[in-house]
């Protein structure tokens, strides 16, 4: 296993962990009484977007590094930043930290060089 494969997987794992933690924190805020956002549509939206970030982490981990992966990456960073902004409006600081972890994972995934296919060492890319 190459170093870039391990780094790319670490990025997906961090995105997944951030989405999972975000979904747990948002679900707690939505369902627990006396959180200030119990039952609000904004808290429900943050639960849904955190689950979508979690699902996108799985997609990024499973698809090949080509056009679709880049599209998912672009949508993923918008989801992470949007969820963090919504968390700020809801005063859910732990959720902002969870999205920070997901953003670090996204940065690792994006800036890890892609592994070259066998036989293309001398080809110009």
PDB file of N, CA and C in Angstrom:
ATOM      1  N   UNK A   1       0.850  -1.163   0.000  1.00  0.00           N
ATOM      2  CA  UNK A   1       0.000   0.000   0.000  1.00  0.00           C
ATOM      3  C   UNK A   1       0.898   1.228   0.000  1.00  0.00           C
ATOM      4  N   UNK A   2       0.621   2.159  -0.916  1.00  0.00           N
ATOM      5  CA  UNK A   2       1.465   3.336  -1.022  1.00  0.00           C
ATOM      6  C   UNK A   2       1.073   4.381   0.015  1.00  0.00           C
ATOM      7  N   UNK A   3       1.979   5.337   0.194  1.00  0.00           N
ATOM      8  CA  UNK A   3       1.753   6.400   1.166  1.00  0.00           C
ATOM      9  C   UNK A   3       0.562   7.262   0.773  1.00  0.00           C
ATOM     10  N   UNK A   4       0.373   7.532  -0.535  1.00  0.00           N
ATOM     11  CA  UNK A   4      -0.747   8.367  -0.958  1.00  0.00           C
ATOM     12  C   UNK A   4      -2.085   7.660  -0.730  1.00  0.00           C
ATOM     13  N   UNK A   5      -2.110   6.333  -0.855  1.00  0.00           N
ATOM     14  CA  UNK A   5      -3.341   5.592  -0.596  1.00  0.00           C
ATOM     15  C   UNK A   5      -3.716   5.673   0.874  1.00  0.00           C
ATOM     16  N   UNK A   6      -2.728   5.561   1.743  1.00  0.00           N
ATOM     17  CA  UNK A   6      -2.980   5.661   3.180  1.00  0.00           C
ATOM     18  C   UNK A   6      -3.459   7.066   3.525  1.00  0.00           C
ATOM     19  N   UNK A   7      -2.832   8.093   2.968  1.00  0.00           N
ATOM     20  CA  UNK A   7      -3.241   9.475   3.238  1.00  0.00           C
ATOM     21  C   UNK A   7      -4.637   9.750   2.712  1.00  0.00           C
ATOM     22  N   UNK A   8      -4.944   9.236   1.531  1.00  0.00           N
ATOM     23  CA  UNK A   8      -6.269   9.443   0.959  1.00  0.00           C
ATOM     24  C   UNK A   8      -7.330   8.769   1.833  1.00  0.00           C
ATOM     25  N   UNK A   9      -7.024   7.569   2.317  1.00  0.00           N
ATOM     26  CA  UNK A   9      -7.970   6.892   3.203  1.00  0.00           C
ATOM     27  C   UNK A   9      -8.121   7.646   4.518  1.00  0.00           C
ATOM     28  N   UNK A  10      -7.033   8.221   5.013  1.00  0.00           N
ATOM     29  CA  UNK A  10      -7.106   8.994   6.252  1.00  0.00           C
ATOM     30  C   UNK A  10      -8.019  10.206   6.057  1.00  0.00           C
ATOM     31  N   UNK A  11      -7.936  10.829   4.900  1.00  0.00           N
ATOM     32  CA  UNK A  11      -8.825  11.949   4.616  1.00  0.00           C
ATOM     33  C   UNK A  11     -10.284  11.522   4.636  1.00  0.00           C
ATOM     34  N   UNK A  12     -10.595  10.407   3.984  1.00  0.00           N
ATOM     35  CA  UNK A  12     -11.976   9.905   3.962  1.00  0.00           C
ATOM     36  C   UNK A  12     -12.432   9.515   5.366  1.00  0.00           C
ATOM     37  N   UNK A  13     -11.533   8.943   6.159  1.00  0.00           N
ATOM     38  CA  UNK A  13     -11.884   8.553   7.529  1.00  0.00           C
ATOM     39  C   UNK A  13     -12.197   9.788   8.368  1.00  0.00           C
ATOM     40  N   UNK A  14     -11.411  10.856   8.206  1.00  0.00           N
ATOM     41  CA  UNK A  14     -11.678  12.086   8.962  1.00  0.00           C
ATOM     42  C   UNK A  14     -12.985  12.738   8.531  1.00  0.00           C
ATOM     43  N   UNK A  15     -13.276  12.716   7.226  1.00  0.00           N
ATOM     44  CA  UNK A  15     -14.557  13.254   6.748  1.00  0.00           C
ATOM     45  C   UNK A  15     -15.702  12.448   7.349  1.00  0.00           C
ATOM     46  N   UNK A  16     -15.564  11.121   7.320  1.00  0.00           N
ATOM     47  CA  UNK A  16     -16.579  10.235   7.881  1.00  0.00           C
ATOM     48  C   UNK A  16     -16.768  10.503   9.374  1.00  0.00           C
ATOM     49  N   UNK A  17     -15.659  10.624  10.110  1.00  0.00           N
ATOM     50  CA  UNK A  17     -15.731  10.873  11.556  1.00  0.00           C
ATOM     51  C   UNK A  17     -16.391  12.216  11.852  1.00  0.00           C
ATOM     52  N   UNK A  18     -16.048  13.239  11.071  1.00  0.00           N
ATOM     53  CA  UNK A  18     -16.670  14.544  11.263  1.00  0.00           C
ATOM     54  C   UNK A  18     -18.160  14.511  10.968  1.00  0.00           C
ATOM     55  N   UNK A  19     -18.544  13.812   9.905  1.00  0.00           N
ATOM     56  CA  UNK A  19     -19.967  13.684   9.583  1.00  0.00           C
ATOM     57  C   UNK A  19     -20.721  12.901  10.634  1.00  0.00           C
ATOM     58  N   UNK A  20     -20.106  11.827  11.134  1.00  0.00           N
ATOM     59  CA  UNK A  20     -20.754  11.010  12.165  1.00  0.00           C
ATOM     60  C   UNK A  20     -20.918  11.799  13.464  1.00  0.00           C
ATOM     61  N   UNK A  21     -19.861  12.484  13.882  1.00  0.00           N
ATOM     62  CA  UNK A  21     -19.942  13.303  15.096  1.00  0.00           C
ATOM     63  C   UNK A  21     -20.941  14.437  14.908  1.00  0.00           C
ATOM     64  N   UNK A  22     -20.933  15.042  13.723  1.00  0.00           N
ATOM     65  CA  UNK A  22     -21.881  16.116  13.451  1.00  0.00           C
ATOM     66  C   UNK A  22     -23.319  15.631  13.494  1.00  0.00           C
ATOM     67  N   UNK A  23     -23.576  14.471  12.916  1.00  0.00           N
ATOM     68  CA  UNK A  23     -24.929  13.924  12.930  1.00  0.00           C
ATOM     69  C   UNK A  23     -25.373  13.600  14.352  1.00  0.00           C
ATOM     70  N   UNK A  24     -24.453  13.063  15.157  1.00  0.00           N
ATOM     71  CA  UNK A  24     -24.798  12.736  16.543  1.00  0.00           C
ATOM     72  C   UNK A  24     -25.101  13.996  17.353  1.00  0.00           C
ATOM     73  N   UNK A  25     -24.261  15.011  17.212  1.00  0.00           N
ATOM     74  CA  UNK A  25     -24.468  16.256  17.960  1.00  0.00           C
ATOM     75  C   UNK A  25     -25.748  16.950  17.501  1.00  0.00           C
ATOM     76  N   UNK A  26     -25.977  16.988  16.191  1.00  0.00           N
ATOM     77  CA  UNK A  26     -27.179  17.642  15.671  1.00  0.00           C
ATOM     78  C   UNK A  26     -28.442  16.883  16.073  1.00  0.00           C
ATOM     79  N   UNK A  27     -28.381  15.550  16.062  1.00  0.00           N
ATOM     80  CA  UNK A  27     -29.544  14.762  16.484  1.00  0.00           C
ATOM     81  C   UNK A  27     -29.834  14.988  17.967  1.00  0.00           C
ATOM     82  N   UNK A  28     -28.783  15.058  18.772  1.00  0.00           N
ATOM     83  CA  UNK A  28     -28.978  15.351  20.191  1.00  0.00           C
ATOM     84  C   UNK A  28     -29.635  16.712  20.370  1.00  0.00           C
ATOM     85  N   UNK A  29     -29.134  17.708  19.649  1.00  0.00           N
ATOM     86  CA  UNK A  29     -29.692  19.053  19.770  1.00  0.00           C
ATOM     87  C   UNK A  29     -31.144  19.095  19.298  1.00  0.00           C
ATOM     88  N   UNK A  30     -31.470  18.300  18.307  1.00  0.00           N
ATOM     89  CA  UNK A  30     -32.835  18.300  17.774  1.00  0.00           C
ATOM     90  C   UNK A  30     -33.811  17.590  18.706  1.00  0.00           C
ATOM     91  N   UNK A  31     -33.389  16.469  19.304  1.00  0.00           N
ATOM     92  CA  UNK A  31     -34.311  15.658  20.085  1.00  0.00           C
ATOM     93  C   UNK A  31     -34.292  15.940  21.587  1.00  0.00           C
ATOM     94  N   UNK A  32     -33.175  16.377  22.144  1.00  0.00           N
ATOM     95  CA  UNK A  32     -33.083  16.576  23.596  1.00  0.00           C
ATOM     96  C   UNK A  32     -33.789  17.865  24.004  1.00  0.00           C
ATOM     97  N   UNK A  33     -34.522  17.808  25.100  1.00  0.00           N
ATOM     98  CA  UNK A  33     -35.181  19.036  25.568  1.00  0.00           C
ATOM     99  C   UNK A  33     -34.159  20.024  26.142  1.00  0.00           C
ATOM    100  N   UNK A  34     -34.532  21.280  26.106  1.00  0.00           N
ATOM    101  CA  UNK A  34     -33.764  22.371  26.692  1.00  0.00           C
ATOM    102  C   UNK A  34     -32.421  22.643  26.003  1.00  0.00           C
ATOM    103  N   UNK A  35     -32.294  22.306  24.718  1.00  0.00           N
ATOM    104  CA  UNK A  35     -31.076  22.665  23.993  1.00  0.00           C
ATOM    105  C   UNK A  35     -31.217  24.010  23.308  1.00  0.00           C
ATOM    106  N   UNK A  36     -32.420  24.518  23.244  1.00  0.00           N
ATOM    107  CA  UNK A  36     -32.662  25.794  22.592  1.00  0.00           C
ATOM    108  C   UNK A  36     -33.045  25.646  21.128  1.00  0.00           C
ATOM    109  N   UNK A  37     -32.770  24.497  20.551  1.00  0.00           N
ATOM    110  CA  UNK A  37     -33.118  24.268  19.147  1.00  0.00           C
ATOM    111  C   UNK A  37     -33.944  22.988  18.983  1.00  0.00           C
ATOM    112  N   UNK A  38     -34.485  22.480  20.072  1.00  0.00           N
ATOM    113  CA  UNK A  38     -35.251  21.248  20.053  1.00  0.00           C
ATOM    114  C   UNK A  38     -36.441  21.366  19.105  1.00  0.00           C
ATOM    115  N   UNK A  39     -36.489  20.463  18.131  1.00  0.00           N
ATOM    116  CA  UNK A  39     -37.617  20.407  17.219  1.00  0.00           C
ATOM    117  C   UNK A  39     -37.658  21.478  16.147  1.00  0.00           C
ATOM    118  N   UNK A  40     -36.631  22.281  16.003  1.00  0.00           N
ATOM    119  CA  UNK A  40     -36.650  23.344  15.000  1.00  0.00           C
ATOM    120  C   UNK A  40     -36.265  22.799  13.622  1.00  0.00           C
ATOM    121  N   UNK A  41     -36.784  23.412  12.572  1.00  0.00           N
ATOM    122  CA  UNK A  41     -36.428  22.957  11.222  1.00  0.00           C
ATOM    123  C   UNK A  41     -34.941  23.121  10.909  1.00  0.00           C
ATOM    124  N   UNK A  42     -34.312  24.143  11.462  1.00  0.00           N
ATOM    125  CA  UNK A  42     -32.883  24.355  11.222  1.00  0.00           C
ATOM    126  C   UNK A  42     -32.044  23.228  11.793  1.00  0.00           C
ATOM    127  N   UNK A  43     -32.401  22.767  12.979  1.00  0.00           N
ATOM    128  CA  UNK A  43     -31.664  21.654  13.584  1.00  0.00           C
ATOM    129  C   UNK A  43     -31.876  20.371  12.794  1.00  0.00           C
ATOM    130  N   UNK A  44     -33.082  20.162  12.293  1.00  0.00           N
ATOM    131  CA  UNK A  44     -33.348  18.984  11.462  1.00  0.00           C
ATOM    132  C   UNK A  44     -32.550  19.048  10.162  1.00  0.00           C
ATOM    133  N   UNK A  45     -32.450  20.226   9.575  1.00  0.00           N
ATOM    134  CA  UNK A  45     -31.664  20.396   8.356  1.00  0.00           C
ATOM    135  C   UNK A  45     -30.195  20.080   8.603  1.00  0.00           C
ATOM    136  N   UNK A  46     -29.676  20.464   9.744  1.00  0.00           N
ATOM    137  CA  UNK A  46     -28.281  20.178  10.075  1.00  0.00           C
ATOM    138  C   UNK A  46     -28.079  18.676  10.293  1.00  0.00           C
ATOM    139  N   UNK A  47     -29.060  17.994  10.856  1.00  0.00           N
ATOM    140  CA  UNK A  47     -28.972  16.539  10.985  1.00  0.00           C
ATOM    141  C   UNK A  47     -28.871  15.912   9.595  1.00  0.00           C
ATOM    142  N   UNK A  48     -29.712  16.357   8.686  1.00  0.00           N
ATOM    143  CA  UNK A  48     -29.728  15.800   7.326  1.00  0.00           C
ATOM    144  C   UNK A  48     -28.428  16.102   6.600  1.00  0.00           C
ATOM    145  N   UNK A  49     -27.938  17.335   6.687  1.00  0.00           N
ATOM    146  CA  UNK A  49     -26.699  17.665   5.976  1.00  0.00           C
ATOM    147  C   UNK A  49     -25.495  16.940   6.573  1.00  0.00           C
ATOM    148  N   UNK A  50     -25.499  16.708   7.869  1.00  0.00           N
ATOM    149  CA  UNK A  50     -24.409  15.939   8.476  1.00  0.00           C
ATOM    150  C   UNK A  50     -24.420  14.499   7.974  1.00  0.00           C
ATOM    151  N   UNK A  51     -25.596  13.928   7.820  1.00  0.00           N
ATOM    152  CA  UNK A  51     -25.711  12.575   7.272  1.00  0.00           C
ATOM    153  C   UNK A  51     -25.254  12.558   5.818  1.00  0.00           C
ATOM    154  N   UNK A  52     -25.557  13.613   5.065  1.00  0.00           N
ATOM    155  CA  UNK A  52     -25.089  13.696   3.674  1.00  0.00           C
ATOM    156  C   UNK A  52     -23.572  13.815   3.598  1.00  0.00           C
ATOM    157  N   UNK A  53     -22.953  14.542   4.523  1.00  0.00           N
ATOM    158  CA  UNK A  53     -21.488  14.622   4.582  1.00  0.00           C
ATOM    159  C   UNK A  53     -20.923  13.235   4.873  1.00  0.00           C
ATOM    160  N   UNK A  54     -21.546  12.522   5.778  1.00  0.00           N
ATOM    161  CA  UNK A  54     -21.146  11.160   6.109  1.00  0.00           C
ATOM    162  C   UNK A  54     -21.229  10.251   4.880  1.00  0.00           C
ATOM    163  N   UNK A  55     -22.319  10.339   4.138  1.00  0.00           N
ATOM    164  CA  UNK A  55     -22.487   9.515   2.930  1.00  0.00           C
ATOM    165  C   UNK A  55     -21.486   9.908   1.843  1.00  0.00           C
ATOM    166  N   UNK A  56     -21.221  11.195   1.713  1.00  0.00           N
ATOM    167  CA  UNK A  56     -20.261  11.654   0.712  1.00  0.00           C
ATOM    168  C   UNK A  56     -18.852  11.168   1.024  1.00  0.00           C
ATOM    169  N   UNK A  57     -18.530  11.003   2.297  1.00  0.00           N
ATOM    170  CA  UNK A  57     -17.225  10.456   2.677  1.00  0.00           C
ATOM    171  C   UNK A  57     -17.080   9.038   2.150  1.00  0.00           C
ATOM    172  N   UNK A  58     -18.141   8.264   2.221  1.00  0.00           N
ATOM    173  CA  UNK A  58     -18.103   6.903   1.685  1.00  0.00           C
ATOM    174  C   UNK A  58     -17.948   6.911   0.170  1.00  0.00           C
ATOM    175  N   UNK A  59     -18.634   7.823  -0.494  1.00  0.00           N
ATOM    176  CA  UNK A  59     -18.532   7.921  -1.951  1.00  0.00           C
ATOM    177  C   UNK A  59     -17.121   8.315  -2.361  1.00  0.00           C
ATOM    178  N   UNK A  60     -16.539   9.288  -1.680  1.00  0.00           N
ATOM    179  CA  UNK A  60     -15.176   9.730  -1.991  1.00  0.00           C
ATOM    180  C   UNK A  60     -14.187   8.590  -1.782  1.00  0.00           C
ATOM    181  N   UNK A  61     -14.420   7.782  -0.763  1.00  0.00           N
ATOM    182  CA  UNK A  61     -13.502   6.674  -0.484  1.00  0.00           C
ATOM    183  C   UNK A  61     -13.616   5.568  -1.521  1.00  0.00           C
ATOM    184  N   UNK A  62     -14.760   5.442  -2.163  1.00  0.00           N
ATOM    185  CA  UNK A  62     -14.985   4.300  -3.043  1.00  0.00           C
ATOM    186  C   UNK A  62     -14.807   4.576  -4.529  1.00  0.00           C
ATOM    187  N   UNK A  63     -14.933   5.816  -4.985  1.00  0.00           N
ATOM    188  CA  UNK A  63     -14.849   6.049  -6.424  1.00  0.00           C
ATOM    189  C   UNK A  63     -13.436   6.433  -6.839  1.00  0.00           C
ATOM    190  N   UNK A  64     -13.143   6.180  -8.095  1.00  0.00           N
ATOM    191  CA  UNK A  64     -11.804   6.435  -8.640  1.00  0.00           C
ATOM    192  C   UNK A  64     -11.549   7.937  -8.753  1.00  0.00           C
ATOM    193  N   UNK A  65     -10.275   8.352  -8.690  1.00  0.00           N
ATOM    194  CA  UNK A  65      -9.953   9.781  -8.757  1.00  0.00           C
ATOM    195  C   UNK A  65     -10.084  10.344 -10.172  1.00  0.00           C
ATOM    196  N   UNK A  66     -11.263  10.610 -10.584  1.00  0.00           N
ATOM    197  CA  UNK A  66     -11.554  11.219 -11.883  1.00  0.00           C
ATOM    198  C   UNK A  66     -12.607  12.301 -11.718  1.00  0.00           C
ATOM    199  N   UNK A  67     -13.349  12.587 -12.765  1.00  0.00           N
ATOM    200  CA  UNK A  67     -14.310  13.689 -12.768  1.00  0.00           C
ATOM    201  C   UNK A  67     -15.395  13.588 -11.714  1.00  0.00           C
ATOM    202  N   UNK A  68     -15.980  12.397 -11.540  1.00  0.00           N
ATOM    203  CA  UNK A  68     -17.054  12.248 -10.564  1.00  0.00           C
ATOM    204  C   UNK A  68     -16.551  12.490  -9.144  1.00  0.00           C
ATOM    205  N   UNK A  69     -15.345  12.021  -8.885  1.00  0.00           N
ATOM    206  CA  UNK A  69     -14.766  12.221  -7.553  1.00  0.00           C
ATOM    207  C   UNK A  69     -14.567  13.714  -7.284  1.00  0.00           C
ATOM    208  N   UNK A  70     -14.113  14.445  -8.298  1.00  0.00           N
ATOM    209  CA  UNK A  70     -13.919  15.886  -8.134  1.00  0.00           C
ATOM    210  C   UNK A  70     -15.244  16.610  -7.939  1.00  0.00           C
ATOM    211  N   UNK A  71     -16.288  16.153  -8.619  1.00  0.00           N
ATOM    212  CA  UNK A  71     -17.609  16.745  -8.426  1.00  0.00           C
ATOM    213  C   UNK A  71     -18.094  16.500  -6.995  1.00  0.00           C
ATOM    214  N   UNK A  72     -17.930  15.280  -6.515  1.00  0.00           N
ATOM    215  CA  UNK A  72     -18.343  14.962  -5.144  1.00  0.00           C
ATOM    216  C   UNK A  72     -17.519  15.766  -4.145  1.00  0.00           C
ATOM    217  N   UNK A  73     -16.233  15.923  -4.417  1.00  0.00           N
ATOM    218  CA  UNK A  73     -15.388  16.741  -3.531  1.00  0.00           C
ATOM    219  C   UNK A  73     -15.879  18.182  -3.459  1.00  0.00           C
ATOM    220  N   UNK A  74     -16.230  18.753  -4.609  1.00  0.00           N
ATOM    221  CA  UNK A  74     -16.705  20.140  -4.636  1.00  0.00           C
ATOM    222  C   UNK A  74     -18.017  20.272  -3.859  1.00  0.00           C
ATOM    223  N   UNK A  75     -18.928  19.343  -4.063  1.00  0.00           N
ATOM    224  CA  UNK A  75     -20.191  19.382  -3.330  1.00  0.00           C
ATOM    225  C   UNK A  75     -19.972  19.114  -1.843  1.00  0.00           C
ATOM    226  N   UNK A  76     -19.002  18.285  -1.534  1.00  0.00           N
ATOM    227  CA  UNK A  76     -18.705  17.954  -0.145  1.00  0.00           C
ATOM    228  C   UNK A  76     -18.196  19.166   0.626  1.00  0.00           C
ATOM    229  N   UNK A  77     -17.292  19.928   0.036  1.00  0.00           N
ATOM    230  CA  UNK A  77     -16.784  21.108   0.754  1.00  0.00           C
ATOM    231  C   UNK A  77     -17.893  22.139   0.940  1.00  0.00           C
ATOM    232  N   UNK A  78     -18.790  22.255  -0.025  1.00  0.00           N
ATOM    233  CA  UNK A  78     -19.930  23.158   0.156  1.00  0.00           C
ATOM    234  C   UNK A  78     -20.834  22.670   1.288  1.00  0.00           C
ATOM    235  N   UNK A  79     -21.033  21.364   1.372  1.00  0.00           N
ATOM    236  CA  UNK A  79     -21.836  20.802   2.457  1.00  0.00           C
ATOM    237  C   UNK A  79     -21.192  21.006   3.818  1.00  0.00           C
ATOM    238  N   UNK A  80     -19.880  20.804   3.882  1.00  0.00           N
ATOM    239  CA  UNK A  80     -19.170  20.986   5.157  1.00  0.00           C
ATOM    240  C   UNK A  80     -19.244  22.440   5.606  1.00  0.00           C
ATOM    241  N   UNK A  81     -18.953  23.360   4.701  1.00  0.00           N
ATOM    242  CA  UNK A  81     -18.976  24.787   5.065  1.00  0.00           C
ATOM    243  C   UNK A  81     -20.398  25.264   5.379  1.00  0.00           C
ATOM    244  N   UNK A  82     -21.376  24.791   4.623  1.00  0.00           N
ATOM    245  CA  UNK A  82     -22.767  25.160   4.889  1.00  0.00           C
ATOM    246  C   UNK A  82     -23.262  24.629   6.229  1.00  0.00           C
ATOM    247  N   UNK A  83     -22.878  23.406   6.546  1.00  0.00           N
ATOM    248  CA  UNK A  83     -23.269  22.819   7.822  1.00  0.00           C
ATOM    249  C   UNK A  83     -22.600  23.552   8.982  1.00  0.00           C
ATOM    250  N   UNK A  84     -21.347  23.934   8.804  1.00  0.00           N
ATOM    251  CA  UNK A  84     -20.661  24.702   9.843  1.00  0.00           C
ATOM    252  C   UNK A  84     -21.320  26.070  10.038  1.00  0.00           C
ATOM    253  N   UNK A  85     -21.726  26.704   8.944  1.00  0.00           N
ATOM    254  CA  UNK A  85     -22.411  27.995   9.060  1.00  0.00           C
ATOM    255  C   UNK A  85     -23.753  27.835   9.779  1.00  0.00           C
ATOM    256  N   UNK A  86     -24.503  26.808   9.428  1.00  0.00           N
ATOM    257  CA  UNK A  86     -25.779  26.559  10.098  1.00  0.00           C
ATOM    258  C   UNK A  86     -25.564  26.259  11.578  1.00  0.00           C
ATOM    259  N   UNK A  87     -24.493  25.524  11.884  1.00  0.00           N
ATOM    260  CA  UNK A  87     -24.183  25.231  13.286  1.00  0.00           C
ATOM    261  C   UNK A  87     -23.860  26.509  14.051  1.00  0.00           C
ATOM    262  N   UNK A  88     -23.207  27.448  13.395  1.00  0.00           N
ATOM    263  CA  UNK A  88     -22.916  28.727  14.048  1.00  0.00           C
ATOM    264  C   UNK A  88     -24.209  29.491  14.345  1.00  0.00           C
ATOM    265  N   UNK A  89     -25.157  29.452  13.417  1.00  0.00           N
ATOM    266  CA  UNK A  89     -26.441  30.118  13.648  1.00  0.00           C
ATOM    267  C   UNK A  89     -27.224  29.450  14.777  1.00  0.00           C
ATOM    268  N   UNK A  90     -27.036  28.136  14.936  1.00  0.00           N
ATOM    269  CA  UNK A  90     -27.727  27.397  15.993  1.00  0.00           C
ATOM    270  C   UNK A  90     -26.953  27.396  17.316  1.00  0.00           C
ATOM    271  N   UNK A  91     -25.764  28.015  17.327  1.00  0.00           N
ATOM    272  CA  UNK A  91     -24.896  28.054  18.507  1.00  0.00           C
ATOM    273  C   UNK A  91     -24.499  26.651  18.977  1.00  0.00           C
ATOM    274  N   UNK A  92     -24.229  25.782  18.015  1.00  0.00           N
ATOM    275  CA  UNK A  92     -23.776  24.414  18.300  1.00  0.00           C
ATOM    276  C   UNK A  92     -22.277  24.344  18.015  1.00  0.00           C
ATOM    277  N   UNK A  93     -21.466  24.723  18.993  1.00  0.00           N
ATOM    278  CA  UNK A  93     -20.028  24.873  18.789  1.00  0.00           C
ATOM    279  C   UNK A  93     -19.329  23.530  18.584  1.00  0.00           C
ATOM    280  N   UNK A  94     -19.824  22.485  19.199  1.00  0.00           N
ATOM    281  CA  UNK A  94     -19.227  21.159  19.011  1.00  0.00           C
ATOM    282  C   UNK A  94     -19.449  20.692  17.572  1.00  0.00           C
ATOM    283  N   UNK A  95     -20.582  21.041  17.011  1.00  0.00           N
ATOM    284  CA  UNK A  95     -20.860  20.696  15.619  1.00  0.00           C
ATOM    285  C   UNK A  95     -19.921  21.443  14.668  1.00  0.00           C
ATOM    286  N   UNK A  96     -19.585  22.668  14.996  1.00  0.00           N
ATOM    287  CA  UNK A  96     -18.606  23.407  14.192  1.00  0.00           C
ATOM    288  C   UNK A  96     -17.250  22.706  14.254  1.00  0.00           C
ATOM    289  N   UNK A  97     -16.875  22.227  15.429  1.00  0.00           N
ATOM    290  CA  UNK A  97     -15.615  21.489  15.564  1.00  0.00           C
ATOM    291  C   UNK A  97     -15.651  20.194  14.757  1.00  0.00           C
ATOM    292  N   UNK A  98     -16.786  19.509  14.744  1.00  0.00           N
ATOM    293  CA  UNK A  98     -16.915  18.278  13.953  1.00  0.00           C
ATOM    294  C   UNK A  98     -16.760  18.578  12.465  1.00  0.00           C
ATOM    295  N   UNK A  99     -17.317  19.675  12.012  1.00  0.00           N
ATOM    296  CA  UNK A  99     -17.163  20.050  10.600  1.00  0.00           C
ATOM    297  C   UNK A  99     -15.733  20.496  10.319  1.00  0.00           C
ATOM    298  N   UNK A 100     -15.048  21.017  11.330  1.00  0.00           N
ATOM    299  CA  UNK A 100     -13.626  21.333  11.181  1.00  0.00           C
ATOM    300  C   UNK A 100     -12.808  20.081  10.940  1.00  0.00           C
ATOM    301  N   UNK A 101     -13.135  19.006  11.655  1.00  0.00           N
ATOM    302  CA  UNK A 101     -12.461  17.720  11.437  1.00  0.00           C
ATOM    303  C   UNK A 101     -12.741  17.228  10.021  1.00  0.00           C
ATOM    304  N   UNK A 102     -13.988  17.340   9.590  1.00  0.00           N
ATOM    305  CA  UNK A 102     -14.341  16.924   8.224  1.00  0.00           C
ATOM    306  C   UNK A 102     -13.599  17.767   7.193  1.00  0.00           C
ATOM    307  N   UNK A 103     -13.447  19.054   7.450  1.00  0.00           N
ATOM    308  CA  UNK A 103     -12.729  19.923   6.520  1.00  0.00           C
ATOM    309  C   UNK A 103     -11.250  19.553   6.449  1.00  0.00           C
ATOM    310  N   UNK A 104     -10.652  19.198   7.567  1.00  0.00           N
ATOM    311  CA  UNK A 104      -9.258  18.744   7.561  1.00  0.00           C
ATOM    312  C   UNK A 104      -9.134  17.465   6.737  1.00  0.00           C
ATOM    313  N   UNK A 105     -10.087  16.557   6.895  1.00  0.00           N
ATOM    314  CA  UNK A 105     -10.088  15.338   6.084  1.00  0.00           C
ATOM    315  C   UNK A 105     -10.241  15.642   4.612  1.00  0.00           C
ATOM    316  N   UNK A 106     -11.082  16.615   4.276  1.00  0.00           N
ATOM    317  CA  UNK A 106     -11.264  17.007   2.880  1.00  0.00           C
ATOM    318  C   UNK A 106      -9.964  17.569   2.312  1.00  0.00           C
ATOM    319  N   UNK A 107      -9.288  18.397   3.096  1.00  0.00           N
ATOM    320  CA  UNK A 107      -8.011  18.960   2.641  1.00  0.00           C
ATOM    321  C   UNK A 107      -6.973  17.870   2.410  1.00  0.00           C
ATOM    322  N   UNK A 108      -6.920  16.887   3.302  1.00  0.00           N
ATOM    323  CA  UNK A 108      -5.993  15.771   3.115  1.00  0.00           C
ATOM    324  C   UNK A 108      -6.338  15.015   1.842  1.00  0.00           C
ATOM    325  N   UNK A 109      -7.611  14.767   1.624  1.00  0.00           N
ATOM    326  CA  UNK A 109      -8.037  14.026   0.433  1.00  0.00           C
ATOM    327  C   UNK A 109      -7.721  14.788  -0.845  1.00  0.00           C
ATOM    328  N   UNK A 110      -7.945  16.086  -0.844  1.00  0.00           N
ATOM    329  CA  UNK A 110      -7.737  16.882  -2.055  1.00  0.00           C
ATOM    330  C   UNK A 110      -6.256  17.054  -2.370  1.00  0.00           C
ATOM    331  N   UNK A 111      -5.435  17.290  -1.352  1.00  0.00           N
ATOM    332  CA  UNK A 111      -4.036  17.601  -1.609  1.00  0.00           C
ATOM    333  C   UNK A 111      -3.101  16.399  -1.576  1.00  0.00           C
ATOM    334  N   UNK A 112      -3.633  15.207  -1.424  1.00  0.00           N
ATOM    335  CA  UNK A 112      -2.818  14.003  -1.542  1.00  0.00           C
ATOM    336  C   UNK A 112      -2.700  13.677  -3.018  1.00  0.00           C
ATOM    337  N   UNK A 113      -1.489  13.529  -3.541  1.00  0.00           N
ATOM    338  CA  UNK A 113      -1.347  13.241  -4.969  1.00  0.00           C
ATOM    339  C   UNK A 113      -1.970  11.905  -5.338  1.00  0.00           C
ATOM    340  N   UNK A 114      -2.598  11.882  -6.506  1.00  0.00           N
ATOM    341  CA  UNK A 114      -3.228  10.656  -6.990  1.00  0.00           C
ATOM    342  C   UNK A 114      -2.168   9.654  -7.404  1.00  0.00           C
ATOM    343  N   UNK A 115      -2.452   8.394  -7.181  1.00  0.00           N
ATOM    344  CA  UNK A 115      -1.540   7.328  -7.576  1.00  0.00           C
ATOM    345  C   UNK A 115      -1.647   7.126  -9.076  1.00  0.00           C
ATOM    346  N   UNK A 116      -0.512   7.013  -9.731  1.00  0.00           N
ATOM    347  CA  UNK A 116      -0.512   6.805 -11.176  1.00  0.00           C
ATOM    348  C   UNK A 116      -0.858   5.380 -11.504  1.00  0.00           C
ATOM    349  N   UNK A 117      -1.497   5.210 -12.642  1.00  0.00           N
ATOM    350  CA  UNK A 117      -1.821   3.866 -13.121  1.00  0.00           C
ATOM    351  C   UNK A 117      -0.556   3.175 -13.573  1.00  0.00           C
ATOM    352  N   UNK A 118      -0.544   1.859 -13.563  1.00  0.00           N
ATOM    353  CA  UNK A 118       0.636   1.091 -13.968  1.00  0.00           C
ATOM    354  C   UNK A 118       0.938   1.356 -15.435  1.00  0.00           C
ATOM    355  N   UNK A 119       2.193   1.599 -15.726  1.00  0.00           N
ATOM    356  CA  UNK A 119       2.618   1.797 -17.118  1.00  0.00           C
ATOM    357  C   UNK A 119       2.592   3.240 -17.570  1.00  0.00           C
ATOM    358  N   UNK A 120       2.259   4.196 -16.703  1.00  0.00           N
ATOM    359  CA  UNK A 120       2.194   5.600 -17.109  1.00  0.00           C
ATOM    360  C   UNK A 120       3.294   6.419 -16.462  1.00  0.00           C
ATOM    361  N   UNK A 121       4.346   5.796 -16.008  1.00  0.00           N
ATOM    362  CA  UNK A 121       5.397   6.534 -15.325  1.00  0.00           C
ATOM    363  C   UNK A 121       6.082   7.553 -16.242  1.00  0.00           C
ATOM    364  N   UNK A 122       6.235   7.232 -17.519  1.00  0.00           N
ATOM    365  CA  UNK A 122       6.930   8.122 -18.424  1.00  0.00           C
ATOM    366  C   UNK A 122       6.010   9.008 -19.233  1.00  0.00           C
ATOM    367  N   UNK A 123       4.706   8.812 -19.106  1.00  0.00           N
ATOM    368  CA  UNK A 123       3.753   9.588 -19.914  1.00  0.00           C
ATOM    369  C   UNK A 123       3.560  10.970 -19.306  1.00  0.00           C
ATOM    370  N   UNK A 124       3.320  11.929 -20.158  1.00  0.00           N
ATOM    371  CA  UNK A 124       3.009  13.287 -19.698  1.00  0.00           C
ATOM    372  C   UNK A 124       1.550  13.347 -19.308  1.00  0.00           C
ATOM    373  N   UNK A 125       1.267  13.892 -18.170  1.00  0.00           N
ATOM    374  CA  UNK A 125      -0.121  13.956 -17.709  1.00  0.00           C
ATOM    375  C   UNK A 125      -0.694  15.335 -17.898  1.00  0.00           C
TER     376      UNK A 125
END
